[in-house]
Amino acid sequence: MTENRTREYRDIPNGKRRKANRRPSERTVGRTSQENVSRRPKQQQKRIKETLAAVVVIIAVLVCMSAVIISLYFAGGYEDEPVQPTAGTPIRMESGAQQATEAGQAQAASNDSGFKQLSDPFLVLVNDEVPLPEGWEVTPSFIGEESVDIRVYDQLSSMIRDAQEDGVSIWICSGYRSVEEQEIILNRDIELHMSEGMSEEEARELALRTIARPGHSEHHTGFVVDLNDVDNAFEETETYRWLSEHAEDYGFVQRYRSDKVDITGIDNESWHYRYVGVENAKKMNELNMCLEEYVQYLKDQGIA
C-alpha cells in the first residue's frame, strides 16, 4: 500500500514532492464538455447581435446618403412644388456706362442713346444699342442656385411645375447677372477664341455675336433665364417643343430667334427666354415680332 502511494509522487529539485500527473476522470471530462457546449450558443448570439448592429448602421448611412442625393437633385429645379422665393435686398442698377469697370468701359456705351422706354417695365428694351436704364432695380429671388426678379418668380415657378406634370424637365442654367459678371463671361469667351488662334479683334467680334456687352445684357433686368442646356441641340428636345407651345401662357417668349438675327443682332438662342407678361407674349407671337419690333409697334399705336 505504501509502495503504491509512493509511486504517485516524484521528487523535484526543491525537495518538495508533488503528485504525479493523473489522467482526468470521466466525470471531469464530461463536465468540461458540457461547459463548452453551453458557451457556444452565447457566443453565437453575441456574433449575431454584432452583425445585426453593423447592418443597422449601414442601412442608416445609406438612408442618409439617399436623402442628401434626392435633396440635391430637386434643388436643380425638378421639384414637384416650386420652392418658396428667397427674396434678397433690392439691387439698384446704374446705367451700363456707370456700372462698367475700367476693363469694360470700352465695351459699354453711354446712356445717351436717346431711346425712350415704354412705361411697362416688362417691356424694357436692353440690347447692343440701348443700355440698361439708369436706376433699374432688381430684387433677386432664388430658384435653386439661380435667381430672377421677384416680379417674375411666380410665373416661372408655375411654368417649371406644369411642365414637369407633363413629363418635361425644365431647369434654370442662368438667371440674373450683374454687369461685373457679364464682363467676366465676355472676357472669358474672348480669351477662349484667342487661344484658338484668333486675333483679339476677331475673338471679340465672334464673342459679341452670342454674348452681350456689359451693361447691355437682358440678364441685368432679372426677367431672363437660360434654360437647360445652352446648346443649339436644345431645339431638338421635347422641352423646347413644350416651351414653343406653352411658354407664352406664362408670359415668356424666346428672345433671340434665327429669323430675327438681323434685328436683334444676336444669333439664335433657343434656350434664352424673356418675361414680357402673358398678354404681350401672346401678342408678340401672334404678330411674329421680336421685342424690338413689338416695342416700336406699340409706340406706333400711341402707347407710351
Protein backbone atom coordinates (compact mmCIF):
# COMPACT_ATOMS: atom_id res chain seq x y z
CA MET A 1 0.00 0.00 0.00
CA THR A 2 2.79 2.39 0.95
CA GLU A 3 4.68 1.37 -2.14
CA ASN A 4 1.76 2.22 -4.41
CA ARG A 5 1.19 5.55 -2.75
CA THR A 6 4.85 6.43 -3.15
CA ARG A 7 4.58 5.92 -6.88
CA GLU A 8 2.08 8.71 -7.05
CA TYR A 9 4.78 11.21 -6.11
CA ARG A 10 8.10 12.16 -7.54
CA ASP A 11 10.99 14.16 -6.28
CA ILE A 12 11.51 17.70 -7.55
CA PRO A 13 14.66 19.85 -7.18
CA ASN A 14 13.46 21.99 -4.25
CA GLY A 15 12.91 18.98 -2.09
CA LYS A 16 9.17 19.11 -2.21
CA ARG A 17 7.09 16.39 -3.65
CA ARG A 18 4.12 16.80 -5.86
CA LYS A 19 1.53 14.48 -7.08
CA ALA A 20 2.24 12.84 -10.40
CA ASN A 21 0.01 13.82 -13.30
CA ARG A 22 -3.13 11.84 -13.48
CA ARG A 23 -5.46 11.35 -16.36
CA PRO A 24 -8.65 13.30 -15.88
CA SER A 25 -11.55 11.26 -14.72
CA GLU A 26 -14.53 10.61 -16.94
CA ARG A 27 -16.60 12.81 -14.64
CA THR A 28 -14.27 15.78 -15.18
CA VAL A 29 -14.19 15.26 -18.92
CA GLY A 30 -17.93 15.16 -19.10
CA ARG A 31 -18.33 18.33 -17.08
CA THR A 32 -15.85 20.24 -19.29
CA SER A 33 -17.61 19.15 -22.47
CA GLN A 34 -20.95 20.33 -21.11
CA GLU A 35 -19.48 23.75 -20.23
CA ASN A 36 -18.04 24.14 -23.76
CA VAL A 37 -21.38 23.24 -25.28
CA SER A 38 -23.20 25.69 -23.03
CA ARG A 39 -20.83 28.53 -24.04
CA ARG A 40 -21.38 28.09 -27.82
CA PRO A 41 -24.97 29.43 -28.03
CA LYS A 42 -23.93 32.54 -26.06
CA GLN A 43 -21.00 33.20 -28.40
CA GLN A 44 -23.20 32.66 -31.44
CA GLN A 45 -25.84 35.04 -30.05
CA LYS A 46 -23.17 37.68 -29.43
CA ARG A 47 -21.90 37.38 -33.01
CA ILE A 48 -25.45 37.61 -34.37
CA LYS A 49 -26.12 40.77 -32.33
CA GLU A 50 -22.90 42.36 -33.56
CA THR A 51 -23.77 41.50 -37.17
CA LEU A 52 -27.28 42.95 -36.84
CA ALA A 53 -25.90 46.14 -35.30
CA ALA A 54 -23.49 46.55 -38.21
CA VAL A 55 -26.32 46.02 -40.72
CA VAL A 56 -28.46 48.65 -38.98
CA VAL A 57 -25.59 51.17 -39.12
CA ILE A 58 -25.02 50.50 -42.84
CA ILE A 59 -28.73 50.93 -43.62
CA ALA A 60 -28.82 54.21 -41.66
CA VAL A 61 -25.83 55.55 -43.61
CA LEU A 62 -27.42 54.58 -46.95
CA VAL A 63 -30.69 56.27 -45.99
CA CYS A 64 -28.85 59.49 -45.09
CA MET A 65 -26.88 59.43 -48.34
CA SER A 66 -30.07 58.86 -50.34
CA ALA A 67 -31.75 61.80 -48.62
CA VAL A 68 -28.82 64.08 -49.47
CA ILE A 69 -28.75 62.96 -53.12
CA ILE A 70 -32.50 63.44 -53.50
CA SER A 71 -32.37 66.92 -51.96
CA LEU A 72 -29.53 67.95 -54.30
CA TYR A 73 -31.42 66.54 -57.28
CA PHE A 74 -34.56 68.52 -56.52
CA ALA A 75 -32.55 71.65 -55.83
CA GLY A 76 -31.78 71.77 -59.56
CA GLY A 77 -35.36 72.69 -60.46
CA TYR A 78 -37.14 69.32 -60.67
CA GLU A 79 -39.28 69.70 -57.55
CA ASP A 80 -42.95 68.81 -57.70
CA GLU A 81 -43.76 72.03 -55.86
CA PRO A 82 -41.77 75.19 -56.56
CA VAL A 83 -39.52 76.31 -53.75
CA GLN A 84 -40.60 79.42 -51.91
CA PRO A 85 -38.81 82.54 -53.10
CA THR A 86 -35.88 83.74 -51.07
CA ALA A 87 -36.01 87.45 -51.73
CA GLY A 88 -32.83 89.44 -51.42
CA THR A 89 -32.28 93.14 -50.90
CA PRO A 90 -33.28 95.21 -53.95
CA ILE A 91 -30.24 95.92 -56.11
CA ARG A 92 -30.15 99.33 -57.75
CA MET A 93 -28.56 99.07 -61.17
CA GLU A 94 -26.94 102.11 -62.72
CA SER A 95 -26.62 102.62 -66.46
CA GLY A 96 -24.30 100.43 -68.46
CA ALA A 97 -21.62 103.12 -68.64
CA GLN A 98 -21.79 103.90 -64.93
CA GLN A 99 -21.53 100.27 -63.82
CA ALA A 100 -18.81 99.15 -66.18
CA THR A 101 -15.38 98.76 -64.63
CA GLU A 102 -12.28 100.20 -66.24
CA ALA A 103 -11.76 96.92 -68.13
CA GLY A 104 -15.23 97.10 -69.59
CA GLN A 105 -15.61 100.80 -70.27
CA ALA A 106 -14.59 100.39 -73.89
CA GLN A 107 -17.38 97.83 -74.29
CA ALA A 108 -20.20 99.75 -72.59
CA ALA A 109 -21.88 102.59 -74.41
CA SER A 110 -23.12 105.73 -72.70
CA ASN A 111 -26.76 106.20 -71.80
CA ASP A 112 -27.17 108.94 -74.40
CA SER A 113 -28.85 106.61 -76.89
CA GLY A 114 -31.93 108.82 -76.94
CA PHE A 115 -34.17 105.77 -76.67
CA LYS A 116 -37.37 106.25 -74.68
CA GLN A 117 -38.53 103.19 -72.78
CA LEU A 118 -42.21 102.26 -72.51
CA SER A 119 -43.89 102.65 -69.12
CA ASP A 120 -44.47 98.89 -68.80
CA PRO A 121 -41.35 97.58 -67.00
CA PHE A 122 -41.83 94.12 -68.51
CA LEU A 123 -41.21 95.63 -71.94
CA VAL A 124 -37.93 97.28 -71.02
CA LEU A 125 -35.61 97.05 -74.02
CA VAL A 126 -31.95 96.26 -73.46
CA ASN A 127 -29.74 95.45 -76.43
CA ASP A 128 -26.46 96.40 -78.07
CA GLU A 129 -27.68 99.93 -78.82
CA VAL A 130 -29.82 100.51 -75.73
CA PRO A 131 -28.17 100.08 -72.32
CA LEU A 132 -29.91 99.13 -69.10
CA PRO A 133 -31.97 102.10 -67.84
CA GLU A 134 -30.31 104.12 -65.11
CA GLY A 135 -31.59 103.30 -61.63
CA TRP A 136 -33.03 99.91 -62.62
CA GLU A 137 -33.80 97.81 -59.53
CA VAL A 138 -33.82 94.03 -59.18
CA THR A 139 -35.00 92.07 -56.14
CA PRO A 140 -33.37 88.65 -56.61
CA SER A 141 -35.48 85.60 -55.74
CA PHE A 142 -33.77 82.24 -55.90
CA ILE A 143 -34.92 79.09 -57.66
CA GLY A 144 -32.23 76.56 -56.87
CA GLU A 145 -28.88 78.27 -57.31
CA GLU A 146 -30.05 80.90 -59.82
CA SER A 147 -32.11 84.00 -59.23
CA VAL A 148 -34.67 86.09 -61.09
CA ASP A 149 -36.51 89.27 -60.19
CA ILE A 150 -39.28 88.58 -57.70
CA ARG A 151 -41.82 90.02 -60.17
CA VAL A 152 -41.41 87.02 -62.49
CA TYR A 153 -40.85 84.33 -59.86
CA ASP A 154 -44.42 83.04 -59.63
CA GLN A 155 -44.94 82.65 -63.38
CA LEU A 156 -41.57 80.97 -63.85
CA SER A 157 -42.22 78.55 -60.98
CA SER A 158 -45.63 77.68 -62.41
CA MET A 159 -44.15 77.02 -65.83
CA ILE A 160 -41.50 74.68 -64.41
CA ARG A 161 -44.07 72.85 -62.28
CA ASP A 162 -46.65 72.46 -65.07
CA ALA A 163 -44.00 71.24 -67.50
CA GLN A 164 -42.98 68.57 -65.03
CA GLU A 165 -46.59 67.44 -64.71
CA ASP A 166 -46.49 66.94 -68.48
CA GLY A 167 -43.33 64.86 -68.14
CA VAL A 168 -40.99 67.65 -69.27
CA SER A 169 -37.98 68.73 -67.23
CA ILE A 170 -37.02 72.41 -67.11
CA TRP A 171 -34.22 73.86 -65.03
CA ILE A 172 -32.52 77.24 -64.90
CA CYS A 173 -28.99 77.33 -66.24
CA SER A 174 -28.55 81.08 -65.79
CA GLY A 175 -30.70 83.91 -64.49
CA TYR A 176 -29.95 87.40 -63.18
CA ARG A 177 -26.42 88.72 -63.80
CA SER A 178 -24.66 91.84 -62.65
CA VAL A 179 -22.62 93.95 -65.06
CA GLU A 180 -19.42 92.66 -63.46
CA GLU A 181 -20.48 89.06 -64.03
CA GLN A 182 -21.22 89.87 -67.66
CA GLU A 183 -17.71 91.28 -68.09
CA ILE A 184 -16.21 88.06 -66.75
CA ILE A 185 -18.29 85.93 -69.13
CA LEU A 186 -17.43 88.05 -72.18
CA ASN A 187 -13.71 88.24 -71.42
CA ARG A 188 -13.55 84.51 -70.82
CA ASP A 189 -15.10 83.82 -74.23
CA ILE A 190 -12.71 86.26 -75.92
CA GLU A 191 -9.73 84.55 -74.31
CA LEU A 192 -11.04 81.17 -75.44
CA HIS A 193 -11.22 82.29 -79.08
CA MET A 194 -7.77 83.87 -78.87
CA SER A 195 -6.36 80.58 -77.57
CA GLU A 196 -7.67 79.02 -80.78
CA GLY A 197 -5.51 81.35 -82.87
CA MET A 198 -7.76 84.37 -83.42
CA SER A 199 -6.63 87.95 -83.00
CA GLU A 200 -8.20 89.92 -80.15
CA GLU A 201 -10.37 91.85 -82.61
CA GLU A 202 -11.59 88.66 -84.30
CA ALA A 203 -12.19 86.97 -80.94
CA ARG A 204 -14.18 89.93 -79.62
CA GLU A 205 -16.31 90.14 -82.76
CA LEU A 206 -17.16 86.44 -82.56
CA ALA A 207 -17.86 86.56 -78.82
CA LEU A 208 -20.23 89.51 -79.21
CA ARG A 209 -22.38 87.51 -81.61
CA THR A 210 -23.66 85.45 -78.67
CA ILE A 211 -22.70 87.47 -75.59
CA ALA A 212 -23.98 90.98 -74.89
CA ARG A 213 -21.69 93.78 -73.81
CA PRO A 214 -21.61 94.58 -70.07
CA GLY A 215 -24.49 96.94 -69.33
CA HIS A 216 -26.33 95.76 -72.45
CA SER A 217 -27.39 92.26 -71.40
CA GLU A 218 -31.01 91.36 -70.78
CA HIS A 219 -29.82 89.25 -67.87
CA HIS A 220 -29.32 92.52 -65.95
CA THR A 221 -33.11 93.02 -65.89
CA GLY A 222 -33.86 89.92 -63.83
CA PHE A 223 -36.54 88.97 -66.40
CA VAL A 224 -34.42 86.48 -68.36
CA VAL A 225 -33.48 82.82 -67.93
CA ASP A 226 -31.32 80.45 -69.91
CA LEU A 227 -32.97 77.04 -69.68
CA ASN A 228 -31.50 73.56 -69.58
CA ASP A 229 -28.52 73.00 -71.89
CA VAL A 230 -27.10 76.10 -73.55
CA ASP A 231 -26.67 74.29 -76.83
CA ASN A 232 -28.20 74.50 -80.29
CA ALA A 233 -29.29 70.87 -79.91
CA PHE A 234 -31.86 72.14 -77.40
CA GLU A 235 -34.15 72.85 -80.35
CA GLU A 236 -34.44 69.12 -80.96
CA THR A 237 -35.66 68.32 -77.45
CA GLU A 238 -39.13 67.65 -76.10
CA THR A 239 -38.58 70.51 -73.65
CA TYR A 240 -38.13 73.03 -76.47
CA ARG A 241 -41.27 71.77 -78.21
CA TRP A 242 -43.21 72.17 -74.97
CA LEU A 243 -41.89 75.70 -74.48
CA SER A 244 -42.73 76.67 -78.06
CA GLU A 245 -46.33 75.73 -77.35
CA HIS A 246 -46.78 76.83 -73.75
CA ALA A 247 -44.19 79.47 -72.75
CA GLU A 248 -46.46 82.35 -73.80
CA ASP A 249 -49.11 81.12 -71.34
CA TYR A 250 -46.72 82.13 -68.56
CA GLY A 251 -45.56 85.38 -70.16
CA PHE A 252 -42.29 84.12 -71.67
CA VAL A 253 -41.01 84.37 -75.25
CA GLN A 254 -37.91 83.07 -76.99
CA ARG A 255 -35.99 86.32 -77.13
CA TYR A 256 -33.47 85.54 -79.89
CA ARG A 257 -34.75 83.62 -82.91
CA SER A 258 -32.99 82.60 -86.09
CA ASP A 259 -35.36 84.67 -88.26
CA LYS A 260 -34.74 87.86 -86.26
CA VAL A 261 -30.93 87.95 -86.15
CA ASP A 262 -30.80 90.99 -88.46
CA ILE A 263 -32.91 92.93 -85.94
CA THR A 264 -31.65 91.69 -82.57
CA GLY A 265 -28.01 91.34 -83.60
CA ILE A 266 -27.84 88.09 -81.61
CA ASP A 267 -27.63 84.61 -83.09
CA ASN A 268 -30.42 82.12 -82.50
CA GLU A 269 -30.66 81.13 -78.81
CA SER A 270 -33.35 78.53 -78.34
CA TRP A 271 -32.64 78.37 -74.59
CA HIS A 272 -32.96 82.13 -73.86
CA TYR A 273 -36.41 83.14 -72.58
CA ARG A 274 -37.57 86.61 -71.62
CA TYR A 275 -40.57 87.50 -69.49
CA VAL A 276 -42.79 90.18 -71.07
CA GLY A 277 -46.17 89.38 -69.49
CA VAL A 278 -48.82 86.95 -70.69
CA GLU A 279 -50.78 89.39 -72.88
CA ASN A 280 -47.64 90.77 -74.51
CA ALA A 281 -46.18 87.30 -75.09
CA LYS A 282 -49.28 86.08 -76.88
CA LYS A 283 -49.48 89.25 -78.99
CA MET A 284 -45.79 89.09 -79.95
CA ASN A 285 -46.16 85.51 -81.15
CA GLU A 286 -49.37 86.33 -82.99
CA LEU A 287 -47.65 89.20 -84.83
CA ASN A 288 -44.42 87.19 -85.24
CA MET A 289 -42.41 90.02 -83.69
CA CYS A 290 -39.28 90.16 -81.59
CA LEU A 291 -39.16 92.64 -78.70
CA GLU A 292 -37.54 95.42 -80.76
CA GLU A 293 -40.34 95.18 -83.32
CA TYR A 294 -43.07 94.92 -80.71
CA VAL A 295 -41.92 97.95 -78.73
CA GLN A 296 -41.89 100.04 -81.91
CA TYR A 297 -45.31 98.62 -82.86
CA LEU A 298 -46.77 99.79 -79.55
CA LYS A 299 -45.21 103.22 -79.94
CA ASP A 300 -46.75 103.48 -83.39
CA GLN A 301 -50.09 102.66 -81.72
CA GLY A 302 -49.62 105.62 -79.41
CA ILE A 303 -48.78 103.52 -76.36
CA ALA A 304 -46.12 105.15 -74.22
